[in-house]
PDB file of N, CA and C in Angstrom:
ATOM      1  N   MET A   1       0.832  -1.065   0.124  1.00  0.00           N
ATOM      2  CA  MET A   1      -0.146  -0.138   0.072  1.00  0.00           C
ATOM      3  C   MET A   1       0.602   1.306   0.281  1.00  0.00           C
ATOM      4  N   SER A   2       2.444   1.410   1.151  1.00  0.00           N
ATOM      5  CA  SER A   2       2.905   2.490   0.816  1.00  0.00           C
ATOM      6  C   SER A   2       3.547   2.635  -0.473  1.00  0.00           C
ATOM      7  N   ASP A   3       3.545   1.707  -1.656  1.00  0.00           N
ATOM      8  CA  ASP A   3       4.252   2.734  -2.626  1.00  0.00           C
ATOM      9  C   ASP A   3       3.681   3.143  -3.586  1.00  0.00           C
ATOM     10  N   LEU A   4       2.531   2.762  -3.572  1.00  0.00           N
ATOM     11  CA  LEU A   4       1.401   3.696  -4.082  1.00  0.00           C
ATOM     12  C   LEU A   4       1.470   5.584  -3.552  1.00  0.00           C
ATOM     13  N   LEU A   5       1.257   5.498  -2.112  1.00  0.00           N
ATOM     14  CA  LEU A   5       2.078   6.909  -1.533  1.00  0.00           C
ATOM     15  C   LEU A   5       3.017   7.626  -1.537  1.00  0.00           C
ATOM     16  N   VAL A   6       4.146   6.439  -1.738  1.00  0.00           N
ATOM     17  CA  VAL A   6       5.826   7.227  -2.563  1.00  0.00           C
ATOM     18  C   VAL A   6       5.309   7.698  -3.890  1.00  0.00           C
ATOM     19  N   ASP A   7       4.542   6.421  -4.443  1.00  0.00           N
ATOM     20  CA  ASP A   7       4.563   6.983  -5.942  1.00  0.00           C
ATOM     21  C   ASP A   7       3.697   8.339  -6.257  1.00  0.00           C
ATOM     22  N   LEU A   8       2.880   8.673  -5.831  1.00  0.00           N
ATOM     23  CA  LEU A   8       2.457  10.115  -5.476  1.00  0.00           C
ATOM     24  C   LEU A   8       2.949  11.153  -5.735  1.00  0.00           C
ATOM     25  N   GLU A   9       3.917  10.558  -3.778  1.00  0.00           N
ATOM     26  CA  GLU A   9       4.217  11.828  -3.325  1.00  0.00           C
ATOM     27  C   GLU A   9       5.343  12.632  -4.268  1.00  0.00           C
ATOM     28  N   CYS A  10       6.206  11.199  -5.345  1.00  0.00           N
ATOM     29  CA  CYS A  10       7.534  11.550  -6.008  1.00  0.00           C
ATOM     30  C   CYS A  10       6.975  12.481  -6.961  1.00  0.00           C
ATOM     31  N   TRP A  11       5.689  12.161  -7.649  1.00  0.00           N
ATOM     32  CA  TRP A  11       4.496  12.353  -8.820  1.00  0.00           C
ATOM     33  C   TRP A  11       4.250  14.039  -8.463  1.00  0.00           C
ATOM     34  N   LEU A  12       4.314  14.374  -6.968  1.00  0.00           N
ATOM     35  CA  LEU A  12       3.847  15.604  -6.755  1.00  0.00           C
ATOM     36  C   LEU A  12       4.893  16.400  -6.575  1.00  0.00           C
ATOM     37  N   ALA A  13       5.827  15.962  -6.471  1.00  0.00           N
ATOM     38  CA  ALA A  13       7.520  16.852  -5.858  1.00  0.00           C
ATOM     39  C   ALA A  13       7.784  16.774  -7.485  1.00  0.00           C
ATOM     40  N   SER A  14       7.400  15.875  -8.055  1.00  0.00           N
ATOM     41  CA  SER A  14       8.664  16.300  -9.561  1.00  0.00           C
ATOM     42  C   SER A  14       8.108  17.237  -9.935  1.00  0.00           C
ATOM     43  N   HIS A  15       6.249  18.145  -9.907  1.00  0.00           N
ATOM     44  CA  HIS A  15       5.898  18.959 -10.757  1.00  0.00           C
ATOM     45  C   HIS A  15       5.479  20.581  -9.433  1.00  0.00           C
ATOM     46  N   CYS A  16       6.425  20.656  -7.855  1.00  0.00           N
ATOM     47  CA  CYS A  16       6.360  21.766  -7.429  1.00  0.00           C
ATOM     48  C   CYS A  16       8.021  21.938  -7.797  1.00  0.00           C
ATOM     49  N   ASP A  17       7.829  23.365  -8.527  1.00  0.00           N
ATOM     50  CA  ASP A  17       8.460  24.080  -9.206  1.00  0.00           C
ATOM     51  C   ASP A  17       8.066  25.779  -8.722  1.00  0.00           C
ATOM     52  N   GLY A  18       7.661  25.352  -7.649  1.00  0.00           N
ATOM     53  CA  GLY A  18       7.625  27.187  -6.947  1.00  0.00           C
ATOM     54  C   GLY A  18       6.726  27.637  -7.419  1.00  0.00           C
ATOM     55  N   ASP A  19       6.098  27.753  -8.593  1.00  0.00           N
ATOM     56  CA  ASP A  19       4.564  27.974  -9.385  1.00  0.00           C
ATOM     57  C   ASP A  19       3.551  26.844  -9.259  1.00  0.00           C
ATOM     58  N   TRP A  20       3.747  25.336  -9.945  1.00  0.00           N
ATOM     59  CA  TRP A  20       2.628  24.921 -10.725  1.00  0.00           C
ATOM     60  C   TRP A  20       1.973  25.021  -9.000  1.00  0.00           C
ATOM     61  N   GLU A  21       2.701  24.148  -8.157  1.00  0.00           N
ATOM     62  CA  GLU A  21       1.664  24.102  -7.110  1.00  0.00           C
ATOM     63  C   GLU A  21       0.742  25.161  -6.096  1.00  0.00           C
ATOM     64  N   HIS A  22       1.236  26.304  -6.601  1.00  0.00           N
ATOM     65  CA  HIS A  22       0.308  27.061  -6.804  1.00  0.00           C
ATOM     66  C   HIS A  22      -0.997  27.327  -6.874  1.00  0.00           C
ATOM     67  N   GLY A  23      -1.186  27.169  -8.113  1.00  0.00           N
ATOM     68  CA  GLY A  23      -2.880  26.695  -8.613  1.00  0.00           C
ATOM     69  C   GLY A  23      -3.382  25.500  -8.752  1.00  0.00           C
ATOM     70  N   TRP A  24      -2.444  24.431  -8.545  1.00  0.00           N
ATOM     71  CA  TRP A  24      -2.972  23.370  -8.661  1.00  0.00           C
ATOM     72  C   TRP A  24      -2.485  22.243  -7.701  1.00  0.00           C
ATOM     73  N   GLY A  25      -2.399  21.132  -7.590  1.00  0.00           N
ATOM     74  CA  GLY A  25      -2.216  20.129  -6.899  1.00  0.00           C
ATOM     75  C   GLY A  25      -3.399  18.504  -6.642  1.00  0.00           C
ATOM     76  N   VAL A  26      -2.886  17.986  -5.434  1.00  0.00           N
ATOM     77  CA  VAL A  26      -3.988  16.960  -5.118  1.00  0.00           C
ATOM     78  C   VAL A  26      -4.779  17.098  -3.932  1.00  0.00           C
ATOM     79  N   ARG A  27      -5.936  16.454  -4.313  1.00  0.00           N
ATOM     80  CA  ARG A  27      -7.184  16.580  -3.237  1.00  0.00           C
ATOM     81  C   ARG A  27      -7.237  15.353  -3.341  1.00  0.00           C
ATOM     82  N   ILE A  28      -7.573  14.747  -1.942  1.00  0.00           N
ATOM     83  CA  ILE A  28      -8.349  13.677  -1.423  1.00  0.00           C
ATOM     84  C   ILE A  28      -9.686  13.681  -0.330  1.00  0.00           C
ATOM     85  N   ASN A  29     -10.445  13.715  -0.915  1.00  0.00           N
ATOM     86  CA  ASN A  29     -11.500  13.654  -0.062  1.00  0.00           C
ATOM     87  C   ASN A  29     -12.664  12.490   0.591  1.00  0.00           C
ATOM     88  N   THR A  30     -13.222  12.891   1.424  1.00  0.00           N
ATOM     89  CA  THR A  30     -14.527  11.577   1.274  1.00  0.00           C
ATOM     90  C   THR A  30     -15.752  11.931   1.176  1.00  0.00           C
ATOM     91  N   LEU A  31     -16.358  10.801   0.530  1.00  0.00           N
ATOM     92  CA  LEU A  31     -18.195  11.048  -0.134  1.00  0.00           C
ATOM     93  C   LEU A  31     -18.701  10.468   0.948  1.00  0.00           C
ATOM     94  N   ASP A  32     -20.257  11.306   0.562  1.00  0.00           N
ATOM     95  CA  ASP A  32     -21.007  11.469   2.145  1.00  0.00           C
ATOM     96  C   ASP A  32     -21.886   9.645   1.447  1.00  0.00           C
ATOM     97  N   ASN A  33     -21.314   8.820   0.672  1.00  0.00           N
ATOM     98  CA  ASN A  33     -22.264   7.634   0.310  1.00  0.00           C
ATOM     99  C   ASN A  33     -22.149   6.037   0.855  1.00  0.00           C
ATOM    100  N   PRO A  34     -21.201   6.133   1.821  1.00  0.00           N
ATOM    101  CA  PRO A  34     -19.879   6.632   2.007  1.00  0.00           C
ATOM    102  C   PRO A  34     -18.480   5.658   0.907  1.00  0.00           C
ATOM    103  N   GLY A  35     -17.733   7.064   0.864  1.00  0.00           N
ATOM    104  CA  GLY A  35     -16.313   6.729  -0.779  1.00  0.00           C
ATOM    105  C   GLY A  35     -15.446   7.313  -0.018  1.00  0.00           C
ATOM    106  N   TRP A  36     -14.375   7.913  -1.599  1.00  0.00           N
ATOM    107  CA  TRP A  36     -13.529   8.608  -1.665  1.00  0.00           C
ATOM    108  C   TRP A  36     -13.623   9.395  -2.470  1.00  0.00           C
ATOM    109  N   SER A  37     -13.143  10.843  -2.835  1.00  0.00           N
ATOM    110  CA  SER A  37     -12.887  11.110  -3.887  1.00  0.00           C
ATOM    111  C   SER A  37     -11.408  11.581  -4.115  1.00  0.00           C
ATOM    112  N   VAL A  38     -11.287  11.872  -5.333  1.00  0.00           N
ATOM    113  CA  VAL A  38      -9.508  11.667  -5.595  1.00  0.00           C
ATOM    114  C   VAL A  38      -9.761  12.872  -6.579  1.00  0.00           C
ATOM    115  N   ASP A  39      -8.862  14.211  -6.904  1.00  0.00           N
ATOM    116  CA  ASP A  39      -8.746  14.920  -7.643  1.00  0.00           C
ATOM    117  C   ASP A  39      -7.373  15.420  -8.077  1.00  0.00           C
ATOM    118  N   ILE A  40      -6.826  14.935  -9.232  1.00  0.00           N
ATOM    119  CA  ILE A  40      -5.067  15.623  -9.439  1.00  0.00           C
ATOM    120  C   ILE A  40      -5.274  16.057 -10.534  1.00  0.00           C
ATOM    121  N   ASP A  41      -5.017  17.305 -10.510  1.00  0.00           N
ATOM    122  CA  ASP A  41      -4.824  18.232 -11.654  1.00  0.00           C
ATOM    123  C   ASP A  41      -3.541  17.541 -12.933  1.00  0.00           C
ATOM    124  N   LEU A  42      -3.852  18.339 -13.048  1.00  0.00           N
ATOM    125  CA  LEU A  42      -2.965  17.895 -14.970  1.00  0.00           C
ATOM    126  C   LEU A  42      -2.580  18.804 -15.648  1.00  0.00           C
ATOM    127  N   ALA A  43      -2.855  20.099 -15.065  1.00  0.00           N
ATOM    128  CA  ALA A  43      -2.402  21.453 -16.433  1.00  0.00           C
ATOM    129  C   ALA A  43      -1.155  20.687 -16.114  1.00  0.00           C
ATOM    130  N   GLY A  44       0.042  21.907 -16.655  1.00  0.00           N
ATOM    131  CA  GLY A  44       1.012  21.954 -16.532  1.00  0.00           C
ATOM    132  C   GLY A  44       1.641  20.761 -16.520  1.00  0.00           C
ATOM    133  N   THR A  45       1.210  19.870 -16.130  1.00  0.00           N
ATOM    134  CA  THR A  45       1.918  18.467 -16.399  1.00  0.00           C
ATOM    135  C   THR A  45       2.242  17.718 -17.431  1.00  0.00           C
ATOM    136  N   ASP A  46       3.357  17.034 -17.493  1.00  0.00           N
ATOM    137  CA  ASP A  46       3.312  15.708 -19.173  1.00  0.00           C
ATOM    138  C   ASP A  46       2.195  14.775 -19.158  1.00  0.00           C
ATOM    139  N   LEU A  47       1.007  15.269 -18.057  1.00  0.00           N
ATOM    140  CA  LEU A  47      -0.052  14.199 -18.044  1.00  0.00           C
ATOM    141  C   LEU A  47      -1.077  15.028 -18.899  1.00  0.00           C
ATOM    142  N   SER A  48      -0.660  16.302 -19.111  1.00  0.00           N
ATOM    143  CA  SER A  48      -1.968  17.080 -19.506  1.00  0.00           C
ATOM    144  C   SER A  48      -2.065  17.047 -21.278  1.00  0.00           C
ATOM    145  N   GLY A  49      -3.494  16.357 -21.398  1.00  0.00           N
ATOM    146  CA  GLY A  49      -3.848  16.007 -22.618  1.00  0.00           C
ATOM    147  C   GLY A  49      -3.473  14.218 -23.208  1.00  0.00           C
ATOM    148  N   LYS A  50      -3.263  13.959 -22.029  1.00  0.00           N
ATOM    149  CA  LYS A  50      -3.222  12.320 -22.363  1.00  0.00           C
ATOM    150  C   LYS A  50      -4.554  11.767 -22.185  1.00  0.00           C
ATOM    151  N   ALA A  51      -4.738  10.978 -22.859  1.00  0.00           N
ATOM    152  CA  ALA A  51      -5.692  10.132 -22.770  1.00  0.00           C
ATOM    153  C   ALA A  51      -6.258   9.095 -21.688  1.00  0.00           C
ATOM    154  N   LEU A  52      -7.269   9.033 -20.848  1.00  0.00           N
ATOM    155  CA  LEU A  52      -7.440   8.202 -20.027  1.00  0.00           C
ATOM    156  C   LEU A  52      -8.486   6.968 -19.950  1.00  0.00           C
ATOM    157  N   SER A  53      -8.969   5.935 -20.542  1.00  0.00           N
ATOM    158  CA  SER A  53     -10.222   5.250 -21.096  1.00  0.00           C
ATOM    159  C   SER A  53     -10.907   5.277 -19.564  1.00  0.00           C
ATOM    160  N   ARG A  54     -12.423   5.740 -19.990  1.00  0.00           N
ATOM    161  CA  ARG A  54     -13.280   5.903 -18.337  1.00  0.00           C
ATOM    162  C   ARG A  54     -13.569   4.632 -18.010  1.00  0.00           C
ATOM    163  N   ILE A  55     -12.786   4.187 -16.378  1.00  0.00           N
ATOM    164  CA  ILE A  55     -13.316   2.998 -15.700  1.00  0.00           C
ATOM    165  C   ILE A  55     -14.546   3.057 -14.816  1.00  0.00           C
ATOM    166  N   GLN A  56     -14.938   1.868 -15.098  1.00  0.00           N
ATOM    167  CA  GLN A  56     -16.527   1.785 -13.765  1.00  0.00           C
ATOM    168  C   GLN A  56     -16.557   0.340 -13.567  1.00  0.00           C
ATOM    169  N   GLU A  57     -15.932   0.356 -12.229  1.00  0.00           N
ATOM    170  CA  GLU A  57     -16.044  -0.979 -11.847  1.00  0.00           C
ATOM    171  C   GLU A  57     -17.156  -1.012 -10.767  1.00  0.00           C
ATOM    172  N   GLU A  58     -18.500  -1.799 -11.408  1.00  0.00           N
ATOM    173  CA  GLU A  58     -19.372  -1.790  -9.705  1.00  0.00           C
ATOM    174  C   GLU A  58     -19.767  -2.775  -9.214  1.00  0.00           C
ATOM    175  N   ARG A  59     -18.615  -3.462  -8.452  1.00  0.00           N
ATOM    176  CA  ARG A  59     -18.401  -4.628  -7.729  1.00  0.00           C
ATOM    177  C   ARG A  59     -20.147  -5.029  -7.071  1.00  0.00           C
ATOM    178  N   THR A  60     -19.685  -4.031  -5.762  1.00  0.00           N
ATOM    179  CA  THR A  60     -21.031  -3.735  -4.581  1.00  0.00           C
ATOM    180  C   THR A  60     -21.187  -2.432  -4.611  1.00  0.00           C
ATOM    181  N   GLU A  61     -22.694  -2.856  -3.766  1.00  0.00           N
ATOM    182  CA  GLU A  61     -22.789  -0.877  -3.475  1.00  0.00           C
ATOM    183  C   GLU A  61     -21.096  -0.210  -2.217  1.00  0.00           C
ATOM    184  N   ARG A  62     -20.910  -0.810  -1.951  1.00  0.00           N
ATOM    185  CA  ARG A  62     -19.575  -0.599  -1.462  1.00  0.00           C
ATOM    186  C   ARG A  62     -18.108  -0.761  -1.794  1.00  0.00           C
ATOM    187  N   ASP A  63     -17.917  -1.046  -2.564  1.00  0.00           N
ATOM    188  CA  ASP A  63     -16.998  -1.828  -3.309  1.00  0.00           C
ATOM    189  C   ASP A  63     -17.066  -1.699  -4.886  1.00  0.00           C
ATOM    190  N   TRP A  64     -16.710  -0.034  -5.291  1.00  0.00           N
ATOM    191  CA  TRP A  64     -17.047   0.357  -6.756  1.00  0.00           C
ATOM    192  C   TRP A  64     -16.121   1.296  -6.935  1.00  0.00           C
ATOM    193  N   ILE A  65     -15.374   1.408  -8.197  1.00  0.00           N
ATOM    194  CA  ILE A  65     -14.488   2.440  -8.877  1.00  0.00           C
ATOM    195  C   ILE A  65     -14.951   3.595  -9.889  1.00  0.00           C
ATOM    196  N   HIS A  66     -15.340   4.717 -10.292  1.00  0.00           N
ATOM    197  CA  HIS A  66     -14.923   5.162 -11.611  1.00  0.00           C
ATOM    198  C   HIS A  66     -13.773   6.260 -11.598  1.00  0.00           C
ATOM    199  N   CYS A  67     -13.008   6.234 -12.666  1.00  0.00           N
ATOM    200  CA  CYS A  67     -11.722   6.985 -12.695  1.00  0.00           C
ATOM    201  C   CYS A  67     -11.899   7.577 -14.427  1.00  0.00           C
ATOM    202  N   TRP A  68     -11.568   8.557 -14.321  1.00  0.00           N
ATOM    203  CA  TRP A  68     -12.106   9.302 -15.634  1.00  0.00           C
ATOM    204  C   TRP A  68     -10.573  10.633 -15.807  1.00  0.00           C
ATOM    205  N   VAL A  69     -10.879  11.183 -16.736  1.00  0.00           N
ATOM    206  CA  VAL A  69     -10.152  12.552 -16.939  1.00  0.00           C
ATOM    207  C   VAL A  69     -11.182  13.452 -17.604  1.00  0.00           C
ATOM    208  N   ASP A  70     -11.033  15.336 -17.027  1.00  0.00           N
ATOM    209  CA  ASP A  70     -12.375  16.166 -17.412  1.00  0.00           C
ATOM    210  C   ASP A  70     -11.474  17.138 -17.452  1.00  0.00           C
ATOM    211  N   GLU A  71     -11.476  17.843 -18.426  1.00  0.00           N
ATOM    212  CA  GLU A  71     -10.494  19.001 -18.461  1.00  0.00           C
ATOM    213  C   GLU A  71      -9.294  19.092 -17.670  1.00  0.00           C
ATOM    214  N   GLU A  72      -8.514  18.420 -17.541  1.00  0.00           N
ATOM    215  CA  GLU A  72      -7.151  18.106 -17.224  1.00  0.00           C
ATOM    216  C   GLU A  72      -7.427  17.967 -15.786  1.00  0.00           C
ATOM    217  N   VAL A  73      -7.885  17.150 -15.505  1.00  0.00           N
ATOM    218  CA  VAL A  73      -8.342  16.820 -13.881  1.00  0.00           C
ATOM    219  C   VAL A  73      -8.444  15.181 -14.184  1.00  0.00           C
ATOM    220  N   PHE A  74      -7.505  14.592 -13.255  1.00  0.00           N
ATOM    221  CA  PHE A  74      -7.800  13.022 -13.073  1.00  0.00           C
ATOM    222  C   PHE A  74      -8.786  12.580 -11.831  1.00  0.00           C
ATOM    223  N   LYS A  75      -9.885  12.476 -12.071  1.00  0.00           N
ATOM    224  CA  LYS A  75     -10.695  12.416 -11.392  1.00  0.00           C
ATOM    225  C   LYS A  75     -10.835  10.739 -11.007  1.00  0.00           C
ATOM    226  N   GLY A  76     -11.283   9.747  -9.650  1.00  0.00           N
ATOM    227  CA  GLY A  76     -11.498   8.997  -8.904  1.00  0.00           C
ATOM    228  C   GLY A  76     -12.478   9.028  -8.282  1.00  0.00           C
ATOM    229  N   ARG A  77     -13.369   7.896  -8.169  1.00  0.00           N
ATOM    230  CA  ARG A  77     -14.713   7.792  -6.730  1.00  0.00           C
ATOM    231  C   ARG A  77     -14.110   6.361  -7.092  1.00  0.00           C
ATOM    232  N   GLY A  78     -14.925   6.197  -4.961  1.00  0.00           N
ATOM    233  CA  GLY A  78     -14.945   4.769  -5.253  1.00  0.00           C
ATOM    234  C   GLY A  78     -15.160   4.619  -4.035  1.00  0.00           C
ATOM    235  N   GLY A  79     -15.678   3.358  -2.910  1.00  0.00           N
ATOM    236  CA  GLY A  79     -16.288   3.153  -2.081  1.00  0.00           C
ATOM    237  C   GLY A  79     -15.132   3.475  -1.120  1.00  0.00           C
ATOM    238  N   PRO A  80     -15.733   3.245   0.006  1.00  0.00           N
ATOM    239  CA  PRO A  80     -15.083   3.362   1.635  1.00  0.00           C
ATOM    240  C   PRO A  80     -13.402   2.801   1.402  1.00  0.00           C
ATOM    241  N   LYS A  81     -13.034   1.521   0.692  1.00  0.00           N
ATOM    242  CA  LYS A  81     -12.453   0.788   0.958  1.00  0.00           C
ATOM    243  C   LYS A  81     -11.764   0.872  -0.221  1.00  0.00           C
ATOM    244  N   ASN A  82     -11.713   1.606  -1.044  1.00  0.00           N
ATOM    245  CA  ASN A  82     -11.153   1.380  -2.610  1.00  0.00           C
ATOM    246  C   ASN A  82     -10.433   2.811  -3.061  1.00  0.00           C
ATOM    247  N   LEU A  83      -9.715   3.558  -2.236  1.00  0.00           N
ATOM    248  CA  LEU A  83      -8.733   4.620  -1.907  1.00  0.00           C
ATOM    249  C   LEU A  83      -7.803   4.028  -2.613  1.00  0.00           C
ATOM    250  N   HIS A  84      -7.049   2.793  -2.037  1.00  0.00           N
ATOM    251  CA  HIS A  84      -5.508   2.116  -2.678  1.00  0.00           C
ATOM    252  C   HIS A  84      -6.146   1.892  -4.444  1.00  0.00           C
ATOM    253  N   GLU A  85      -7.275   1.112  -4.819  1.00  0.00           N
ATOM    254  CA  GLU A  85      -7.499   1.046  -5.709  1.00  0.00           C
ATOM    255  C   GLU A  85      -7.197   2.208  -6.996  1.00  0.00           C
ATOM    256  N   ILE A  86      -8.001   3.436  -6.688  1.00  0.00           N
ATOM    257  CA  ILE A  86      -8.094   4.585  -7.347  1.00  0.00           C
ATOM    258  C   ILE A  86      -6.874   5.371  -7.264  1.00  0.00           C
ATOM    259  N   LEU A  87      -5.940   4.849  -6.198  1.00  0.00           N
ATOM    260  CA  LEU A  87      -4.336   5.319  -6.409  1.00  0.00           C
ATOM    261  C   LEU A  87      -3.399   4.264  -7.353  1.00  0.00           C
ATOM    262  N   GLY A  88      -4.306   3.710  -7.324  1.00  0.00           N
ATOM    263  CA  GLY A  88      -3.152   2.680  -8.351  1.00  0.00           C
ATOM    264  C   GLY A  88      -3.830   2.700  -9.877  1.00  0.00           C
ATOM    265  N   VAL A  89      -5.005   3.330  -9.697  1.00  0.00           N
ATOM    266  CA  VAL A  89      -5.069   3.307 -11.278  1.00  0.00           C
ATOM    267  C   VAL A  89      -4.179   4.689 -11.811  1.00  0.00           C
ATOM    268  N   PHE A  90      -4.070   5.648 -11.295  1.00  0.00           N
ATOM    269  CA  PHE A  90      -3.755   6.829 -11.408  1.00  0.00           C
ATOM    270  C   PHE A  90      -2.044   6.322 -11.136  1.00  0.00           C
ATOM    271  N   THR A  91      -1.487   5.456 -10.821  1.00  0.00           N
ATOM    272  CA  THR A  91       0.111   5.441 -10.842  1.00  0.00           C
ATOM    273  C   THR A  91       0.313   4.562 -11.960  1.00  0.00           C
ATOM    274  N   ALA A  92      -0.729   3.775 -12.011  1.00  0.00           N
ATOM    275  CA  ALA A  92      -0.194   2.662 -13.392  1.00  0.00           C
ATOM    276  C   ALA A  92      -0.788   3.744 -14.495  1.00  0.00           C
ATOM    277  N   TRP A  93      -1.316   4.567 -14.953  1.00  0.00           N
ATOM    278  CA  TRP A  93      -1.954   5.776 -16.079  1.00  0.00           C
ATOM    279  C   TRP A  93      -0.420   6.385 -16.005  1.00  0.00           C
ATOM    280  N   VAL A  94       0.478   7.329 -14.903  1.00  0.00           N
ATOM    281  CA  VAL A  94       1.318   7.540 -15.002  1.00  0.00           C
ATOM    282  C   VAL A  94       2.334   7.521 -15.672  1.00  0.00           C
ATOM    283  N   GLY A  95       2.815   5.746 -15.656  1.00  0.00           N
ATOM    284  CA  GLY A  95       3.011   5.093 -16.068  1.00  0.00           C
ATOM    285  C   GLY A  95       3.536   4.302 -17.281  1.00  0.00           C
ATOM    286  N   ALA A  96       2.425   4.177 -17.950  1.00  0.00           N
ATOM    287  CA  ALA A  96       1.790   3.728 -18.909  1.00  0.00           C
ATOM    288  C   ALA A  96       2.625   4.517 -19.984  1.00  0.00           C
ATOM    289  N   ASP A  97       2.794   4.240 -21.245  1.00  0.00           N
ATOM    290  CA  ASP A  97       3.259   4.510 -22.244  1.00  0.00           C
ATOM    291  C   ASP A  97       2.503   5.430 -23.501  1.00  0.00           C
TER     292      ASP A  97
END
C-alpha cells in the first residue's frame, strides 16, 4: 500500500516548481455515500492531454470505482475501501506509455 503513496509523493514533488503547486495540486476527500474522491490536477504536467479510458467497476454498493479525466483533472471516485485502488489506477496510468 505504501508504494502507491510514495509514487504519488514523487509525482507531486516532481511538479512542485515554485509555481505549479500554487494553482494546482492533489485533493483527497471523502464522499457521503460513503466513499472517496480523488482529484489530481494535470494542467502544466506531462499528463496534460493524455487520454484515459473511463473506468467503471461496480462490484457491490460499497465496492466500486470510477476513474476518468475531465478538463485536465484526473478524477477518481470509489467506495470506502477503494482509495488504494483509485491511487493504483492513477499511478499505473502515469507509468503507461
